[in-house]
Amino acid sequence: MVNRTVSLALLAPLALSIGCKREATPAASRAQSVAESAHPSTPVANPHGPMPAAPAANSGSLRVDSPARDELIGQGQEAPRFRATAHDGRVIESAGRRDKPLVVYFYPRDETPGCTVEAEGFRDAAREFEAAGVDVVGVSTDSNEAHRGFATSHQLGFALVSDPDGRLASAFGVGVRMGFAQRITFVIDRTGSVGRVFDSVTPAGHATQVLAAARGS
């Protein structure tokens, strides 16, 4: 009887410590919080250094023919060459002279608050972009399946491109950290050059700023 009582007494503190153990915050939640709170004007460096030059094809839906850059591409420089099949099957190409300007905007993640506001801004200005003869493409590391869900939920009529390994982002010099691309927008003019770079983006009202810049490209 004595031995049994002693054993139970010794086990009681251990049981209490196990039952009160706090679960760690999921890594994905921490990463999403970092992506949403990061200051948009602060370049985010790849922790492993610059990505290697992209091969001719890096997935079934995205081809990047330009090398990675150590810094953000500048206005007046030739835009990176890529060919992508968007979430809705549309094919987007950047190479050479174009019939119309192309807006390429990078954002961290589908369905996050800031990214949703930004996307809905482009959606709401869709008629104005069309009237101005300007195409819009959103790019993130999300899959095309996630893009389809995002587009359906918010009735987005423009193309969304999946850049799962960040190679397209790297070709523009856009930083990717913990799987989230930096929020930066580029306007590619009819000559195939970068006509405007927005490296400090506030999601609300951003589409209006981009439209004004694209009209002159």
C-alpha atoms as a PDB file:
ATOM      1  CA  MET A   1       0.000   0.000   0.000  1.00  0.00           C
ATOM      2  CA  VAL A   2       2.809   2.457   0.880  1.00  0.00           C
ATOM      3  CA  ASN A   3       4.653   1.848  -2.391  1.00  0.00           C
ATOM      4  CA  ARG A   4       1.535   2.389  -4.467  1.00  0.00           C
ATOM      5  CA  THR A   5       0.788   5.702  -2.738  1.00  0.00           C
ATOM      6  CA  VAL A   6       4.322   6.953  -3.308  1.00  0.00           C
ATOM      7  CA  SER A   7       4.215   6.045  -7.019  1.00  0.00           C
ATOM      8  CA  LEU A   8       0.964   7.945  -7.569  1.00  0.00           C
ATOM      9  CA  ALA A   9       2.364  10.971  -5.773  1.00  0.00           C
ATOM     10  CA  LEU A  10       5.427  11.001  -8.009  1.00  0.00           C
ATOM     11  CA  LEU A  11       3.382  10.654 -11.209  1.00  0.00           C
ATOM     12  CA  ALA A  12       0.921  13.457 -10.424  1.00  0.00           C
ATOM     13  CA  PRO A  13       3.262  16.402 -11.266  1.00  0.00           C
ATOM     14  CA  LEU A  14       4.297  14.729 -14.512  1.00  0.00           C
ATOM     15  CA  ALA A  15       0.675  14.323 -15.599  1.00  0.00           C
ATOM     16  CA  LEU A  16      -0.080  17.950 -14.852  1.00  0.00           C
ATOM     17  CA  SER A  17       2.933  19.190 -16.849  1.00  0.00           C
ATOM     18  CA  ILE A  18       1.908  17.149 -19.904  1.00  0.00           C
ATOM     19  CA  GLY A  19      -1.683  18.342 -19.785  1.00  0.00           C
ATOM     20  CA  CYS A  20      -0.670  22.014 -19.585  1.00  0.00           C
ATOM     21  CA  LYS A  21       1.851  21.988 -22.423  1.00  0.00           C
ATOM     22  CA  ARG A  22       1.131  24.854 -24.876  1.00  0.00           C
ATOM     23  CA  GLU A  23       1.024  24.005 -28.553  1.00  0.00           C
ATOM     24  CA  ALA A  24       3.440  25.905 -30.783  1.00  0.00           C
ATOM     25  CA  THR A  25       2.046  28.386 -33.279  1.00  0.00           C
ATOM     26  CA  PRO A  26       1.916  26.710 -36.729  1.00  0.00           C
ATOM     27  CA  ALA A  27       4.785  27.777 -38.971  1.00  0.00           C
ATOM     28  CA  ALA A  28       2.392  28.681 -41.794  1.00  0.00           C
ATOM     29  CA  SER A  29       0.543  31.137 -39.537  1.00  0.00           C
ATOM     30  CA  ARG A  30       3.808  32.763 -38.491  1.00  0.00           C
ATOM     31  CA  ALA A  31       4.893  33.056 -42.125  1.00  0.00           C
ATOM     32  CA  GLN A  32       1.556  34.596 -43.170  1.00  0.00           C
ATOM     33  CA  SER A  33       1.803  37.164 -40.380  1.00  0.00           C
ATOM     34  CA  VAL A  34       5.313  38.105 -41.520  1.00  0.00           C
ATOM     35  CA  ALA A  35       4.168  38.487 -45.114  1.00  0.00           C
ATOM     36  CA  GLU A  36       1.200  40.687 -44.267  1.00  0.00           C
ATOM     37  CA  SER A  37       3.096  42.914 -41.823  1.00  0.00           C
ATOM     38  CA  ALA A  38       6.278  43.400 -43.869  1.00  0.00           C
ATOM     39  CA  HIS A  39       6.828  47.002 -44.951  1.00  0.00           C
ATOM     40  CA  PRO A  40       6.256  47.026 -48.729  1.00  0.00           C
ATOM     41  CA  SER A  41       9.075  49.443 -49.431  1.00  0.00           C
ATOM     42  CA  THR A  42      11.740  47.351 -47.748  1.00  0.00           C
ATOM     43  CA  PRO A  43      13.429  44.892 -50.139  1.00  0.00           C
ATOM     44  CA  VAL A  44      13.304  41.328 -48.852  1.00  0.00           C
ATOM     45  CA  ALA A  45      16.453  39.405 -49.598  1.00  0.00           C
ATOM     46  CA  ASN A  46      16.581  35.721 -50.364  1.00  0.00           C
ATOM     47  CA  PRO A  47      18.215  34.170 -47.254  1.00  0.00           C
ATOM     48  CA  HIS A  48      20.120  31.747 -49.467  1.00  0.00           C
ATOM     49  CA  GLY A  49      21.495  34.451 -51.762  1.00  0.00           C
ATOM     50  CA  PRO A  50      20.503  35.111 -55.388  1.00  0.00           C
ATOM     51  CA  MET A  51      18.705  32.290 -57.136  1.00  0.00           C
ATOM     52  CA  PRO A  52      20.569  30.610 -59.994  1.00  0.00           C
ATOM     53  CA  ALA A  53      19.743  31.528 -63.557  1.00  0.00           C
ATOM     54  CA  ALA A  54      16.421  30.016 -64.591  1.00  0.00           C
ATOM     55  CA  PRO A  55      16.492  27.036 -66.949  1.00  0.00           C
ATOM     56  CA  ALA A  56      14.473  27.102 -70.155  1.00  0.00           C
ATOM     57  CA  ALA A  57      11.486  25.703 -68.295  1.00  0.00           C
ATOM     58  CA  ASN A  58      10.895  25.376 -64.580  1.00  0.00           C
ATOM     59  CA  SER A  59       7.388  23.939 -64.548  1.00  0.00           C
ATOM     60  CA  GLY A  60       4.609  22.865 -66.872  1.00  0.00           C
ATOM     61  CA  SER A  61       2.949  26.298 -66.784  1.00  0.00           C
ATOM     62  CA  LEU A  62       5.822  28.787 -66.443  1.00  0.00           C
ATOM     63  CA  ARG A  63       8.944  29.348 -68.533  1.00  0.00           C
ATOM     64  CA  VAL A  64      11.504  31.954 -67.469  1.00  0.00           C
ATOM     65  CA  ASP A  65      14.279  32.741 -69.939  1.00  0.00           C
ATOM     66  CA  SER A  66      15.955  35.587 -68.043  1.00  0.00           C
ATOM     67  CA  PRO A  67      18.511  35.097 -65.255  1.00  0.00           C
ATOM     68  CA  ALA A  68      18.007  35.957 -61.602  1.00  0.00           C
ATOM     69  CA  ARG A  69      18.919  39.462 -60.506  1.00  0.00           C
ATOM     70  CA  ASP A  70      20.676  40.649 -57.350  1.00  0.00           C
ATOM     71  CA  GLU A  71      18.600  43.839 -57.233  1.00  0.00           C
ATOM     72  CA  LEU A  72      15.273  45.182 -58.446  1.00  0.00           C
ATOM     73  CA  ILE A  73      15.027  45.764 -62.186  1.00  0.00           C
ATOM     74  CA  GLY A  74      14.898  49.451 -63.056  1.00  0.00           C
ATOM     75  CA  GLN A  75      12.796  51.660 -65.259  1.00  0.00           C
ATOM     76  CA  GLY A  76      13.928  51.634 -68.888  1.00  0.00           C
ATOM     77  CA  GLN A  77      15.535  48.182 -68.686  1.00  0.00           C
ATOM     78  CA  GLU A  78      14.394  45.285 -70.842  1.00  0.00           C
ATOM     79  CA  ALA A  79      11.695  43.318 -69.052  1.00  0.00           C
ATOM     80  CA  PRO A  80      12.456  39.702 -68.102  1.00  0.00           C
ATOM     81  CA  ARG A  81      11.404  37.214 -70.736  1.00  0.00           C
ATOM     82  CA  PHE A  82       8.831  34.661 -69.628  1.00  0.00           C
ATOM     83  CA  ARG A  83       5.925  32.611 -70.902  1.00  0.00           C
ATOM     84  CA  ALA A  84       3.224  31.496 -68.474  1.00  0.00           C
ATOM     85  CA  THR A  85      -0.058  29.655 -68.584  1.00  0.00           C
ATOM     86  CA  ALA A  86      -2.339  31.413 -66.131  1.00  0.00           C
ATOM     87  CA  HIS A  87      -4.914  29.867 -63.788  1.00  0.00           C
ATOM     88  CA  ASP A  88      -7.623  30.185 -66.456  1.00  0.00           C
ATOM     89  CA  GLY A  89      -5.554  28.787 -69.344  1.00  0.00           C
ATOM     90  CA  ARG A  90      -4.540  32.121 -70.850  1.00  0.00           C
ATOM     91  CA  VAL A  91      -0.962  32.289 -72.113  1.00  0.00           C
ATOM     92  CA  ILE A  92       1.051  35.355 -71.080  1.00  0.00           C
ATOM     93  CA  GLU A  93       4.270  36.308 -72.887  1.00  0.00           C
ATOM     94  CA  SER A  94       6.556  39.245 -72.173  1.00  0.00           C
ATOM     95  CA  ALA A  95       9.187  38.964 -74.878  1.00  0.00           C
ATOM     96  CA  GLY A  96       9.709  41.676 -77.510  1.00  0.00           C
ATOM     97  CA  ARG A  97       7.383  44.400 -78.710  1.00  0.00           C
ATOM     98  CA  ARG A  98       3.770  44.213 -77.553  1.00  0.00           C
ATOM     99  CA  ASP A  99       0.382  45.277 -78.877  1.00  0.00           C
ATOM    100  CA  LYS A 100      -0.511  46.683 -75.464  1.00  0.00           C
ATOM    101  CA  PRO A 101       1.177  47.416 -72.115  1.00  0.00           C
ATOM    102  CA  LEU A 102       1.341  44.661 -69.514  1.00  0.00           C
ATOM    103  CA  VAL A 103       1.008  45.152 -65.761  1.00  0.00           C
ATOM    104  CA  VAL A 104       2.760  42.462 -63.714  1.00  0.00           C
ATOM    105  CA  TYR A 105       2.080  42.751 -60.006  1.00  0.00           C
ATOM    106  CA  PHE A 106       3.694  40.477 -57.421  1.00  0.00           C
ATOM    107  CA  TYR A 107       1.903  39.852 -54.133  1.00  0.00           C
ATOM    108  CA  PRO A 108       2.506  37.585 -51.103  1.00  0.00           C
ATOM    109  CA  ARG A 109      -0.467  35.216 -50.831  1.00  0.00           C
ATOM    110  CA  ASP A 110      -4.010  34.527 -52.053  1.00  0.00           C
ATOM    111  CA  GLU A 111      -6.854  35.234 -49.632  1.00  0.00           C
ATOM    112  CA  THR A 112      -4.804  37.350 -47.213  1.00  0.00           C
ATOM    113  CA  PRO A 113      -6.333  40.740 -46.335  1.00  0.00           C
ATOM    114  CA  GLY A 114      -3.942  43.090 -48.137  1.00  0.00           C
ATOM    115  CA  CYS A 115      -3.682  40.896 -51.214  1.00  0.00           C
ATOM    116  CA  THR A 116      -7.463  40.619 -51.445  1.00  0.00           C
ATOM    117  CA  VAL A 117      -7.872  44.411 -51.278  1.00  0.00           C
ATOM    118  CA  GLU A 118      -5.234  44.839 -53.976  1.00  0.00           C
ATOM    119  CA  ALA A 119      -6.788  42.217 -56.262  1.00  0.00           C
ATOM    120  CA  GLU A 120     -10.281  43.642 -55.849  1.00  0.00           C
ATOM    121  CA  GLY A 121      -8.911  47.056 -56.806  1.00  0.00           C
ATOM    122  CA  PHE A 122      -7.693  45.669 -60.139  1.00  0.00           C
ATOM    123  CA  ARG A 123     -11.012  43.842 -60.541  1.00  0.00           C
ATOM    124  CA  ASP A 124     -13.053  46.992 -59.968  1.00  0.00           C
ATOM    125  CA  ALA A 125     -10.946  48.921 -62.494  1.00  0.00           C
ATOM    126  CA  ALA A 126     -11.141  46.154 -65.119  1.00  0.00           C
ATOM    127  CA  ARG A 127     -13.215  48.181 -67.591  1.00  0.00           C
ATOM    128  CA  GLU A 128     -10.827  51.110 -67.369  1.00  0.00           C
ATOM    129  CA  PHE A 129      -7.806  48.862 -67.956  1.00  0.00           C
ATOM    130  CA  GLU A 130      -9.557  47.252 -70.920  1.00  0.00           C
ATOM    131  CA  ALA A 131     -10.535  50.618 -72.394  1.00  0.00           C
ATOM    132  CA  ALA A 132      -6.928  51.769 -72.052  1.00  0.00           C
ATOM    133  CA  GLY A 133      -5.695  48.619 -73.791  1.00  0.00           C
ATOM    134  CA  VAL A 134      -3.732  47.355 -70.779  1.00  0.00           C
ATOM    135  CA  ASP A 135      -3.408  43.726 -69.648  1.00  0.00           C
ATOM    136  CA  VAL A 136      -3.054  42.851 -65.944  1.00  0.00           C
ATOM    137  CA  VAL A 137      -1.339  39.790 -64.472  1.00  0.00           C
ATOM    138  CA  GLY A 138      -1.009  38.931 -60.797  1.00  0.00           C
ATOM    139  CA  VAL A 139       1.875  36.693 -59.666  1.00  0.00           C
ATOM    140  CA  SER A 140       2.452  34.844 -56.384  1.00  0.00           C
ATOM    141  CA  THR A 141       3.960  31.559 -55.251  1.00  0.00           C
ATOM    142  CA  ASP A 142       0.484  30.034 -54.839  1.00  0.00           C
ATOM    143  CA  SER A 143      -0.502  27.118 -57.064  1.00  0.00           C
ATOM    144  CA  ASN A 144      -2.829  27.524 -60.030  1.00  0.00           C
ATOM    145  CA  GLU A 145      -5.428  25.577 -58.065  1.00  0.00           C
ATOM    146  CA  ALA A 146      -5.248  28.162 -55.260  1.00  0.00           C
ATOM    147  CA  HIS A 147      -5.401  30.941 -57.860  1.00  0.00           C
ATOM    148  CA  ARG A 148      -8.588  29.458 -59.321  1.00  0.00           C
ATOM    149  CA  GLY A 149     -10.219  29.445 -55.911  1.00  0.00           C
ATOM    150  CA  PHE A 150      -9.080  33.014 -55.232  1.00  0.00           C
ATOM    151  CA  ALA A 151     -10.333  34.229 -58.618  1.00  0.00           C
ATOM    152  CA  THR A 152     -13.685  32.515 -58.171  1.00  0.00           C
ATOM    153  CA  SER A 153     -14.222  33.800 -54.624  1.00  0.00           C
ATOM    154  CA  HIS A 154     -13.584  37.415 -55.612  1.00  0.00           C
ATOM    155  CA  GLN A 155     -14.714  37.352 -59.250  1.00  0.00           C
ATOM    156  CA  LEU A 156     -11.323  38.299 -60.617  1.00  0.00           C
ATOM    157  CA  GLY A 157     -11.325  38.579 -64.379  1.00  0.00           C
ATOM    158  CA  PHE A 158      -7.588  39.011 -64.920  1.00  0.00           C
ATOM    159  CA  ALA A 159      -4.878  36.351 -65.156  1.00  0.00           C
ATOM    160  CA  LEU A 160      -3.072  34.924 -62.122  1.00  0.00           C
ATOM    161  CA  VAL A 161       0.281  33.198 -62.607  1.00  0.00           C
ATOM    162  CA  SER A 162       1.825  30.606 -60.308  1.00  0.00           C
ATOM    163  CA  ASP A 163       5.525  31.137 -59.512  1.00  0.00           C
ATOM    164  CA  PRO A 164       6.045  28.307 -56.979  1.00  0.00           C
ATOM    165  CA  ASP A 165       9.837  28.458 -56.746  1.00  0.00           C
ATOM    166  CA  GLY A 166      10.135  32.243 -57.113  1.00  0.00           C
ATOM    167  CA  ARG A 167      12.080  32.150 -60.379  1.00  0.00           C
ATOM    168  CA  LEU A 168       9.925  34.749 -62.094  1.00  0.00           C
ATOM    169  CA  ALA A 169      10.132  36.992 -59.031  1.00  0.00           C
ATOM    170  CA  SER A 170      13.913  36.582 -59.014  1.00  0.00           C
ATOM    171  CA  ALA A 171      14.127  37.550 -62.701  1.00  0.00           C
ATOM    172  CA  PHE A 172      12.530  40.890 -61.750  1.00  0.00           C
ATOM    173  CA  GLY A 173      14.727  41.188 -58.656  1.00  0.00           C
ATOM    174  CA  VAL A 174      11.713  40.763 -56.371  1.00  0.00           C
ATOM    175  CA  GLY A 175      12.598  39.248 -53.011  1.00  0.00           C
ATOM    176  CA  VAL A 176      10.934  36.070 -51.761  1.00  0.00           C
ATOM    177  CA  ARG A 177      11.051  35.231 -48.061  1.00  0.00           C
ATOM    178  CA  MET A 178       9.548  32.182 -46.379  1.00  0.00           C
ATOM    179  CA  GLY A 179       7.652  31.471 -49.607  1.00  0.00           C
ATOM    180  CA  PHE A 180       6.084  34.942 -49.888  1.00  0.00           C
ATOM    181  CA  ALA A 181       6.939  37.372 -52.696  1.00  0.00           C
ATOM    182  CA  GLN A 182       7.450  41.052 -51.980  1.00  0.00           C
ATOM    183  CA  ARG A 183       4.567  43.327 -53.020  1.00  0.00           C
ATOM    184  CA  ILE A 184       5.879  45.151 -56.112  1.00  0.00           C
ATOM    185  CA  THR A 185       4.246  46.134 -59.406  1.00  0.00           C
ATOM    186  CA  PHE A 186       5.791  46.634 -62.856  1.00  0.00           C
ATOM    187  CA  VAL A 187       4.391  48.201 -66.011  1.00  0.00           C
ATOM    188  CA  ILE A 188       5.923  46.741 -69.185  1.00  0.00           C
ATOM    189  CA  ASP A 189       5.466  49.088 -72.140  1.00  0.00           C
ATOM    190  CA  ARG A 190       4.889  48.287 -75.806  1.00  0.00           C
ATOM    191  CA  THR A 191       8.632  48.158 -76.523  1.00  0.00           C
ATOM    192  CA  GLY A 192       9.112  45.345 -73.996  1.00  0.00           C
ATOM    193  CA  SER A 193      10.881  47.591 -71.490  1.00  0.00           C
ATOM    194  CA  VAL A 194       9.982  48.341 -67.885  1.00  0.00           C
ATOM    195  CA  GLY A 195       8.074  51.612 -68.046  1.00  0.00           C
ATOM    196  CA  ARG A 196       7.327  51.999 -64.340  1.00  0.00           C
ATOM    197  CA  VAL A 197       8.206  50.291 -61.037  1.00  0.00           C
ATOM    198  CA  PHE A 198       6.023  50.569 -57.923  1.00  0.00           C
ATOM    199  CA  ASP A 199       8.224  49.319 -55.093  1.00  0.00           C
ATOM    200  CA  SER A 200       6.229  50.905 -52.280  1.00  0.00           C
ATOM    201  CA  VAL A 201       2.690  49.596 -52.586  1.00  0.00           C
ATOM    202  CA  THR A 202      -0.349  50.360 -50.461  1.00  0.00           C
ATOM    203  CA  PRO A 203      -3.019  47.845 -51.576  1.00  0.00           C
ATOM    204  CA  ALA A 204      -5.987  50.238 -51.299  1.00  0.00           C
ATOM    205  CA  GLY A 205      -6.025  52.555 -54.321  1.00  0.00           C
ATOM    206  CA  HIS A 206      -3.004  50.938 -55.961  1.00  0.00           C
ATOM    207  CA  ALA A 207      -4.865  49.911 -59.129  1.00  0.00           C
ATOM    208  CA  THR A 208      -5.762  53.542 -59.840  1.00  0.00           C
ATOM    209  CA  GLN A 209      -2.103  54.587 -59.628  1.00  0.00           C
ATOM    210  CA  VAL A 210      -1.047  51.759 -61.934  1.00  0.00           C
ATOM    211  CA  LEU A 211      -3.773  52.571 -64.470  1.00  0.00           C
ATOM    212  CA  ALA A 212      -2.595  56.170 -64.711  1.00  0.00           C
ATOM    213  CA  ALA A 213       0.986  55.034 -65.332  1.00  0.00           C
ATOM    214  CA  ALA A 214       0.020  52.317 -67.817  1.00  0.00           C
ATOM    215  CA  ARG A 215      -2.045  54.693 -69.949  1.00  0.00           C
ATOM    216  CA  GLY A 216       1.125  56.546 -70.871  1.00  0.00           C
ATOM    217  CA  SER A 217       3.162  53.418 -71.695  1.00  0.00           C
END
